[in-house]
All heavy atoms as atom14 arrays in JSON, in Angstrom:
{
  "sequence": "IQRVTRGYVHIEGEDSRGFSGPGVVVLLGVTHGDGQAQ",
  "atom14_mask": [
    [1, 1, 1, 1, 1, 1, 1, 1, 0, 0, 0, 0, 0, 0],
    [1, 1, 1, 1, 1, 1, 1, 1, 1, 0, 0, 0, 0, 0],
    [1, 1, 1, 1, 1, 1, 1, 1, 1, 1, 1, 0, 0, 0],
    [1, 1, 1, 1, 1, 1, 1, 0, 0, 0, 0, 0, 0, 0],
    [1, 1, 1, 1, 1, 1, 1, 0, 0, 0, 0, 0, 0, 0],
    [1, 1, 1, 1, 1, 1, 1, 1, 1, 1, 1, 0, 0, 0],
    [1, 1, 1, 1, 0, 0, 0, 0, 0, 0, 0, 0, 0, 0],
    [1, 1, 1, 1, 1, 1, 1, 1, 1, 1, 1, 1, 0, 0],
    [1, 1, 1, 1, 1, 1, 1, 0, 0, 0, 0, 0, 0, 0],
    [1, 1, 1, 1, 1, 1, 1, 1, 1, 1, 0, 0, 0, 0],
    [1, 1, 1, 1, 1, 1, 1, 1, 0, 0, 0, 0, 0, 0],
    [1, 1, 1, 1, 1, 1, 1, 1, 1, 0, 0, 0, 0, 0],
    [1, 1, 1, 1, 0, 0, 0, 0, 0, 0, 0, 0, 0, 0],
    [1, 1, 1, 1, 1, 1, 1, 1, 1, 0, 0, 0, 0, 0],
    [1, 1, 1, 1, 1, 1, 1, 1, 0, 0, 0, 0, 0, 0],
    [1, 1, 1, 1, 1, 1, 0, 0, 0, 0, 0, 0, 0, 0],
    [1, 1, 1, 1, 1, 1, 1, 1, 1, 1, 1, 0, 0, 0],
    [1, 1, 1, 1, 0, 0, 0, 0, 0, 0, 0, 0, 0, 0],
    [1, 1, 1, 1, 1, 1, 1, 1, 1, 1, 1, 0, 0, 0],
    [1, 1, 1, 1, 1, 1, 0, 0, 0, 0, 0, 0, 0, 0],
    [1, 1, 1, 1, 0, 0, 0, 0, 0, 0, 0, 0, 0, 0],
    [1, 1, 1, 1, 1, 1, 1, 0, 0, 0, 0, 0, 0, 0],
    [1, 1, 1, 1, 0, 0, 0, 0, 0, 0, 0, 0, 0, 0],
    [1, 1, 1, 1, 1, 1, 1, 0, 0, 0, 0, 0, 0, 0],
    [1, 1, 1, 1, 1, 1, 1, 0, 0, 0, 0, 0, 0, 0],
    [1, 1, 1, 1, 1, 1, 1, 0, 0, 0, 0, 0, 0, 0],
    [1, 1, 1, 1, 1, 1, 1, 1, 0, 0, 0, 0, 0, 0],
    [1, 1, 1, 1, 1, 1, 1, 1, 0, 0, 0, 0, 0, 0],
    [1, 1, 1, 1, 0, 0, 0, 0, 0, 0, 0, 0, 0, 0],
    [1, 1, 1, 1, 1, 1, 1, 0, 0, 0, 0, 0, 0, 0],
    [1, 1, 1, 1, 1, 1, 1, 0, 0, 0, 0, 0, 0, 0],
    [1, 1, 1, 1, 1, 1, 1, 1, 1, 1, 0, 0, 0, 0],
    [1, 1, 1, 1, 0, 0, 0, 0, 0, 0, 0, 0, 0, 0],
    [1, 1, 1, 1, 1, 1, 1, 1, 0, 0, 0, 0, 0, 0],
    [1, 1, 1, 1, 0, 0, 0, 0, 0, 0, 0, 0, 0, 0],
    [1, 1, 1, 1, 1, 1, 1, 1, 1, 0, 0, 0, 0, 0],
    [1, 1, 1, 1, 1, 0, 0, 0, 0, 0, 0, 0, 0, 0],
    [1, 1, 1, 1, 1, 1, 1, 1, 1, 0, 0, 0, 0, 0]
  ],
  "atom14_positions": [
    [[-164.36, -192.93, -89.68], [-164.84, -192.2, -88.48], [-163.78, -192.39, -87.4], [-163.43, -193.47, -87.07], [-166.22, -192.84, -88.0], [-167.26, -192.76, -89.08], [-166.68, -192.12, -86.69], [-168.55, -193.49, -88.72], [0.0, 0.0, 0.0], [0.0, 0.0, 0.0], [0.0, 0.0, 0.0], [0.0, 0.0, 0.0], [0.0, 0.0, 0.0], [0.0, 0.0, 0.0]],
    [[-163.36, -191.27, -86.88], [-162.35, -191.29, -85.83], [-162.83, -190.52, -84.65], [-163.24, -189.4, -84.73], [-161.03, -190.56, -86.42], [-160.51, -191.36, -87.6], [-159.2, -190.69, -88.06], [-158.22, -190.62, -87.38], [-159.26, -190.2, -89.27], [0.0, 0.0, 0.0], [0.0, 0.0, 0.0], [0.0, 0.0, 0.0], [0.0, 0.0, 0.0], [0.0, 0.0, 0.0]],
    [[-162.72, -191.21, -83.56], [-163.1, -190.54, -82.19], [-161.96, -189.67, -81.92], [-160.78, -190.09, -81.87], [-163.33, -191.66, -81.15], [-163.84, -191.01, -79.84], [-164.05, -192.11, -78.88], [-162.78, -192.71, -78.37], [-162.68, -193.92, -77.85], [-163.7, -194.68, -77.65], [-161.51, -194.3, -77.4], [0.0, 0.0, 0.0], [0.0, 0.0, 0.0], [0.0, 0.0, 0.0]],
    [[-162.19, -188.37, -81.55], [-161.07, -187.47, -81.3], [-161.41, -186.62, -80.03], [-162.52, -186.56, -79.54], [-160.89, -186.48, -82.51], [-160.62, -187.32, -83.81], [-162.13, -185.69, -82.77], [0.0, 0.0, 0.0], [0.0, 0.0, 0.0], [0.0, 0.0, 0.0], [0.0, 0.0, 0.0], [0.0, 0.0, 0.0], [0.0, 0.0, 0.0], [0.0, 0.0, 0.0]],
    [[-160.32, -186.02, -79.53], [-160.47, -185.04, -78.45], [-160.46, -183.58, -78.96], [-160.75, -182.64, -78.31], [-159.34, -185.15, -77.34], [-158.09, -184.99, -78.02], [-159.43, -186.54, -76.7], [0.0, 0.0, 0.0], [0.0, 0.0, 0.0], [0.0, 0.0, 0.0], [0.0, 0.0, 0.0], [0.0, 0.0, 0.0], [0.0, 0.0, 0.0], [0.0, 0.0, 0.0]],
    [[-160.13, -183.45, -80.31], [-160.27, -182.13, -80.95], [-160.21, -182.4, -82.47], [-159.53, -183.35, -82.92], [-159.22, -181.14, -80.5], [-157.85, -181.59, -80.77], [-156.74, -180.63, -80.25], [-156.4, -179.71, -81.31], [-156.29, -178.39, -81.13], [-156.55, -177.87, -80.0], [-156.1, -177.59, -82.19], [0.0, 0.0, 0.0], [0.0, 0.0, 0.0], [0.0, 0.0, 0.0]],
    [[-160.83, -181.53, -83.2], [-160.81, -181.67, -84.7], [-161.05, -180.33, -85.34], [-161.93, -179.62, -85.0], [0.0, 0.0, 0.0], [0.0, 0.0, 0.0], [0.0, 0.0, 0.0], [0.0, 0.0, 0.0], [0.0, 0.0, 0.0], [0.0, 0.0, 0.0], [0.0, 0.0, 0.0], [0.0, 0.0, 0.0], [0.0, 0.0, 0.0], [0.0, 0.0, 0.0]],
    [[-160.13, -180.01, -86.19], [-160.24, -178.71, -86.96], [-159.92, -178.87, -88.39], [-159.02, -179.71, -88.69], [-159.25, -177.62, -86.37], [-159.72, -177.08, -85.02], [-159.27, -177.76, -83.81], [-160.55, -175.99, -84.89], [-159.64, -177.31, -82.57], [-160.99, -175.61, -83.66], [-160.58, -176.2, -82.51], [-160.93, -175.8, -81.3], [0.0, 0.0, 0.0], [0.0, 0.0, 0.0]],
    [[-160.5, -178.15, -89.23], [-160.11, -178.06, -90.65], [-159.6, -176.58, -90.94], [-160.28, -175.67, -90.55], [-161.27, -178.52, -91.59], [-162.53, -177.63, -91.48], [-160.79, -178.57, -92.99], [0.0, 0.0, 0.0], [0.0, 0.0, 0.0], [0.0, 0.0, 0.0], [0.0, 0.0, 0.0], [0.0, 0.0, 0.0], [0.0, 0.0, 0.0], [0.0, 0.0, 0.0]],
    [[-158.55, -176.51, -91.65], [-157.95, -175.27, -92.01], [-158.03, -175.16, -93.52], [-157.45, -176.05, -94.24], [-156.52, -175.14, -91.54], [-156.4, -175.35, -90.12], [-156.64, -174.5, -89.11], [-155.95, -176.47, -89.41], [-156.45, -174.96, -87.9], [-155.97, -176.22, -88.05], [0.0, 0.0, 0.0], [0.0, 0.0, 0.0], [0.0, 0.0, 0.0], [0.0, 0.0, 0.0]],
    [[-158.71, -174.13, -94.01], [-158.95, -173.95, -95.45], [-158.31, -172.72, -95.87], [-158.41, -171.65, -95.23], [-160.48, -173.91, -95.75], [-161.13, -175.16, -95.12], [-160.72, -173.86, -97.22], [-162.61, -174.95, -94.89], [0.0, 0.0, 0.0], [0.0, 0.0, 0.0], [0.0, 0.0, 0.0], [0.0, 0.0, 0.0], [0.0, 0.0, 0.0], [0.0, 0.0, 0.0]],
    [[-157.58, -172.82, -96.97], [-156.79, -171.65, -97.49], [-157.73, -170.5, -97.65], [-158.76, -170.58, -98.25], [-156.19, -172.02, -98.82], [-154.68, -171.99, -98.81], [-154.09, -172.26, -100.09], [-153.89, -173.47, -100.44], [-153.87, -171.35, -100.97], [0.0, 0.0, 0.0], [0.0, 0.0, 0.0], [0.0, 0.0, 0.0], [0.0, 0.0, 0.0], [0.0, 0.0, 0.0]],
    [[-157.36, -169.31, -97.05], [-158.08, -168.1, -97.18], [-159.36, -167.99, -96.36], [-160.08, -166.98, -96.43], [0.0, 0.0, 0.0], [0.0, 0.0, 0.0], [0.0, 0.0, 0.0], [0.0, 0.0, 0.0], [0.0, 0.0, 0.0], [0.0, 0.0, 0.0], [0.0, 0.0, 0.0], [0.0, 0.0, 0.0], [0.0, 0.0, 0.0], [0.0, 0.0, 0.0]],
    [[-159.59, -169.0, -95.51], [-160.78, -169.0, -94.68], [-160.43, -169.28, -93.25], [-159.31, -169.74, -92.97], [-161.85, -170.1, -95.13], [-162.28, -169.87, -96.53], [-163.38, -170.92, -96.93], [-164.14, -171.38, -96.07], [-163.41, -171.34, -98.09], [0.0, 0.0, 0.0], [0.0, 0.0, 0.0], [0.0, 0.0, 0.0], [0.0, 0.0, 0.0], [0.0, 0.0, 0.0]],
    [[-161.33, -168.95, -92.34], [-161.14, -169.36, -90.98], [-161.11, -170.77, -90.74], [-161.76, -171.58, -91.48], [-162.25, -168.7, -90.09], [-162.19, -167.15, -90.08], [-161.1, -166.52, -90.26], [-163.26, -166.51, -89.82], [0.0, 0.0, 0.0], [0.0, 0.0, 0.0], [0.0, 0.0, 0.0], [0.0, 0.0, 0.0], [0.0, 0.0, 0.0], [0.0, 0.0, 0.0]],
    [[-160.45, -171.2, -89.65], [-160.53, -172.64, -89.28], [-161.91, -172.91, -88.67], [-162.57, -172.06, -88.14], [-159.44, -172.87, -88.19], [-158.18, -172.65, -88.7], [0.0, 0.0, 0.0], [0.0, 0.0, 0.0], [0.0, 0.0, 0.0], [0.0, 0.0, 0.0], [0.0, 0.0, 0.0], [0.0, 0.0, 0.0], [0.0, 0.0, 0.0], [0.0, 0.0, 0.0]],
    [[-162.3, -174.15, -88.85], [-163.56, -174.6, -88.32], [-163.34, -175.93, -87.54], [-162.54, -176.72, -87.96], [-164.51, -175.0, -89.49], [-164.76, -173.88, -90.44], [-165.52, -174.27, -91.62], [-165.53, -173.3, -92.69], [-165.77, -173.49, -93.89], [-166.14, -174.65, -94.29], [-165.77, -172.49, -94.86], [0.0, 0.0, 0.0], [0.0, 0.0, 0.0], [0.0, 0.0, 0.0]],
    [[-164.02, -176.0, -86.4], [-163.84, -177.32, -85.69], [-164.21, -177.13, -84.2], [-164.86, -176.16, -83.83], [0.0, 0.0, 0.0], [0.0, 0.0, 0.0], [0.0, 0.0, 0.0], [0.0, 0.0, 0.0], [0.0, 0.0, 0.0], [0.0, 0.0, 0.0], [0.0, 0.0, 0.0], [0.0, 0.0, 0.0], [0.0, 0.0, 0.0], [0.0, 0.0, 0.0]],
    [[-163.64, -177.98, -83.4], [-164.03, -178.08, -81.99], [-162.82, -178.61, -81.1], [-162.04, -179.35, -81.61], [-165.28, -178.99, -81.83], [-165.02, -180.42, -82.36], [-164.55, -181.35, -81.41], [-165.41, -180.74, -83.61], [-164.31, -182.63, -81.86], [-165.15, -182.0, -84.04], [-164.62, -182.99, -83.24], [0.0, 0.0, 0.0], [0.0, 0.0, 0.0], [0.0, 0.0, 0.0]],
    [[-162.95, -178.3, -79.82], [-162.14, -178.97, -78.82], [-163.03, -179.66, -77.87], [-164.12, -179.18, -77.62], [-161.37, -177.9, -78.03], [-160.31, -177.36, -78.86], [0.0, 0.0, 0.0], [0.0, 0.0, 0.0], [0.0, 0.0, 0.0], [0.0, 0.0, 0.0], [0.0, 0.0, 0.0], [0.0, 0.0, 0.0], [0.0, 0.0, 0.0], [0.0, 0.0, 0.0]],
    [[-162.67, -180.84, -77.58], [-163.59, -181.67, -76.7], [-163.89, -182.97, -77.39], [-163.63, -183.07, -78.63], [0.0, 0.0, 0.0], [0.0, 0.0, 0.0], [0.0, 0.0, 0.0], [0.0, 0.0, 0.0], [0.0, 0.0, 0.0], [0.0, 0.0, 0.0], [0.0, 0.0, 0.0], [0.0, 0.0, 0.0], [0.0, 0.0, 0.0], [0.0, 0.0, 0.0]],
    [[-164.54, -183.9, -76.79], [-164.8, -185.2, -77.44], [-165.79, -185.03, -78.57], [-166.75, -184.24, -78.54], [-165.51, -186.03, -76.31], [-165.35, -185.3, -75.07], [-164.98, -183.84, -75.41], [0.0, 0.0, 0.0], [0.0, 0.0, 0.0], [0.0, 0.0, 0.0], [0.0, 0.0, 0.0], [0.0, 0.0, 0.0], [0.0, 0.0, 0.0], [0.0, 0.0, 0.0]],
    [[-165.41, -185.63, -79.64], [-166.32, -185.63, -80.89], [-165.75, -186.6, -81.89], [-165.01, -187.56, -81.53], [0.0, 0.0, 0.0], [0.0, 0.0, 0.0], [0.0, 0.0, 0.0], [0.0, 0.0, 0.0], [0.0, 0.0, 0.0], [0.0, 0.0, 0.0], [0.0, 0.0, 0.0], [0.0, 0.0, 0.0], [0.0, 0.0, 0.0], [0.0, 0.0, 0.0]],
    [[-166.17, -186.45, -83.16], [-165.68, -187.3, -84.19], [-165.29, -186.46, -85.41], [-165.9, -185.43, -85.74], [-166.69, -188.43, -84.67], [-166.95, -189.35, -83.52], [-168.01, -187.88, -85.11], [0.0, 0.0, 0.0], [0.0, 0.0, 0.0], [0.0, 0.0, 0.0], [0.0, 0.0, 0.0], [0.0, 0.0, 0.0], [0.0, 0.0, 0.0], [0.0, 0.0, 0.0]],
    [[-164.27, -186.97, -86.14], [-163.92, -186.44, -87.44], [-164.25, -187.55, -88.39], [-163.9, -188.77, -88.16], [-162.33, -186.14, -87.49], [-161.91, -185.89, -88.99], [-162.02, -185.04, -86.58], [0.0, 0.0, 0.0], [0.0, 0.0, 0.0], [0.0, 0.0, 0.0], [0.0, 0.0, 0.0], [0.0, 0.0, 0.0], [0.0, 0.0, 0.0], [0.0, 0.0, 0.0]],
    [[-165.0, -187.24, -89.44], [-165.43, -188.12, -90.53], [-164.87, -187.65, -91.83], [-165.08, -186.56, -92.25], [-166.96, -188.21, -90.54], [-167.42, -189.26, -91.62], [-167.53, -188.58, -89.16], [0.0, 0.0, 0.0], [0.0, 0.0, 0.0], [0.0, 0.0, 0.0], [0.0, 0.0, 0.0], [0.0, 0.0, 0.0], [0.0, 0.0, 0.0], [0.0, 0.0, 0.0]],
    [[-164.14, -188.57, -92.48], [-163.7, -188.39, -93.82], [-164.65, -189.18, -94.71], [-164.8, -190.4, -94.48], [-162.28, -188.87, -94.01], [-161.27, -188.26, -92.94], [-159.85, -188.86, -93.16], [-161.19, -186.81, -93.08], [0.0, 0.0, 0.0], [0.0, 0.0, 0.0], [0.0, 0.0, 0.0], [0.0, 0.0, 0.0], [0.0, 0.0, 0.0], [0.0, 0.0, 0.0]],
    [[-165.29, -188.5, -95.71], [-166.36, -189.11, -96.52], [-165.98, -189.18, -97.94], [-165.65, -188.2, -98.6], [-167.69, -188.28, -96.29], [-168.83, -188.91, -97.04], [-169.33, -190.14, -96.25], [-169.94, -187.85, -97.05], [0.0, 0.0, 0.0], [0.0, 0.0, 0.0], [0.0, 0.0, 0.0], [0.0, 0.0, 0.0], [0.0, 0.0, 0.0], [0.0, 0.0, 0.0]],
    [[-166.02, -190.36, -98.52], [-165.77, -190.57, -99.94], [-167.06, -191.12, -100.54], [-167.76, -191.92, -100.06], [0.0, 0.0, 0.0], [0.0, 0.0, 0.0], [0.0, 0.0, 0.0], [0.0, 0.0, 0.0], [0.0, 0.0, 0.0], [0.0, 0.0, 0.0], [0.0, 0.0, 0.0], [0.0, 0.0, 0.0], [0.0, 0.0, 0.0], [0.0, 0.0, 0.0]],
    [[-167.3, -190.6, -101.81], [-168.52, -190.93, -102.62], [-168.05, -191.68, -103.85], [-167.11, -191.12, -104.5], [-169.39, -189.66, -102.9], [-170.55, -190.05, -103.7], [-169.8, -188.95, -101.61], [0.0, 0.0, 0.0], [0.0, 0.0, 0.0], [0.0, 0.0, 0.0], [0.0, 0.0, 0.0], [0.0, 0.0, 0.0], [0.0, 0.0, 0.0], [0.0, 0.0, 0.0]],
    [[-168.74, -192.74, -104.24], [-168.39, -193.43, -105.45], [-169.64, -193.43, -106.46], [-170.73, -192.96, -106.01], [-168.0, -194.86, -105.2], [-167.44, -195.42, -106.33], [-169.13, -195.73, -104.68], [0.0, 0.0, 0.0], [0.0, 0.0, 0.0], [0.0, 0.0, 0.0], [0.0, 0.0, 0.0], [0.0, 0.0, 0.0], [0.0, 0.0, 0.0], [0.0, 0.0, 0.0]],
    [[-169.4, -193.85, -107.59], [-170.5, -193.94, -108.63], [-171.61, -194.86, -108.1], [-171.36, -195.78, -107.5], [-169.94, -194.52, -109.91], [-168.71, -193.88, -110.37], [-168.72, -192.68, -111.1], [-167.39, -194.16, -110.14], [-167.43, -192.28, -111.31], [-166.62, -193.16, -110.75], [0.0, 0.0, 0.0], [0.0, 0.0, 0.0], [0.0, 0.0, 0.0], [0.0, 0.0, 0.0]],
    [[-172.8, -194.42, -108.37], [-173.96, -195.28, -107.95], [-174.44, -194.95, -106.54], [-175.45, -195.54, -106.15], [0.0, 0.0, 0.0], [0.0, 0.0, 0.0], [0.0, 0.0, 0.0], [0.0, 0.0, 0.0], [0.0, 0.0, 0.0], [0.0, 0.0, 0.0], [0.0, 0.0, 0.0], [0.0, 0.0, 0.0], [0.0, 0.0, 0.0], [0.0, 0.0, 0.0]],
    [[-173.77, -194.21, -105.79], [-174.27, -193.84, -104.4], [-175.53, -192.99, -104.6], [-175.63, -192.18, -105.52], [-173.21, -193.09, -103.63], [-172.18, -194.0, -102.98], [-172.31, -195.16, -103.07], [-171.09, -193.42, -102.57], [0.0, 0.0, 0.0], [0.0, 0.0, 0.0], [0.0, 0.0, 0.0], [0.0, 0.0, 0.0], [0.0, 0.0, 0.0], [0.0, 0.0, 0.0]],
    [[-176.41, -193.11, -103.65], [-177.63, -192.33, -103.59], [-178.19, -192.21, -102.24], [-177.46, -192.32, -101.24], [0.0, 0.0, 0.0], [0.0, 0.0, 0.0], [0.0, 0.0, 0.0], [0.0, 0.0, 0.0], [0.0, 0.0, 0.0], [0.0, 0.0, 0.0], [0.0, 0.0, 0.0], [0.0, 0.0, 0.0], [0.0, 0.0, 0.0], [0.0, 0.0, 0.0]],
    [[-179.51, -191.98, -102.1], [-180.16, -191.72, -100.89], [-180.02, -192.86, -99.91], [-179.86, -192.66, -98.64], [-181.64, -191.45, -101.1], [-182.31, -190.81, -99.81], [-181.7, -189.51, -99.45], [-181.51, -188.62, -100.26], [-181.31, -189.42, -98.14], [0.0, 0.0, 0.0], [0.0, 0.0, 0.0], [0.0, 0.0, 0.0], [0.0, 0.0, 0.0], [0.0, 0.0, 0.0]],
    [[-180.0, -194.15, -100.32], [-179.83, -195.25, -99.44], [-178.53, -195.17, -98.65], [-178.41, -195.47, -97.49], [-180.03, -196.58, -100.18], [0.0, 0.0, 0.0], [0.0, 0.0, 0.0], [0.0, 0.0, 0.0], [0.0, 0.0, 0.0], [0.0, 0.0, 0.0], [0.0, 0.0, 0.0], [0.0, 0.0, 0.0], [0.0, 0.0, 0.0], [0.0, 0.0, 0.0]],
    [[-177.42, -194.82, -99.42], [-176.07, -194.8, -98.85], [-175.99, -193.57, -97.93], [-175.43, -193.66, -96.81], [-175.01, -194.71, -99.96], [-174.82, -195.94, -100.7], [-175.97, -196.24, -101.67], [-176.62, -195.37, -102.2], [-176.15, -197.55, -101.94], [0.0, 0.0, 0.0], [0.0, 0.0, 0.0], [0.0, 0.0, 0.0], [0.0, 0.0, 0.0], [0.0, 0.0, 0.0]]
  ]
}
């Protein structure tokens, strides 16, 4: 979790998505055995 002043994702062949202003960028990884509790 990173506190940011702007965050955008650029995806090949698609429009950019994101925001300017205070917010957070979250990079999420999932491992084996993760479920609803996680």
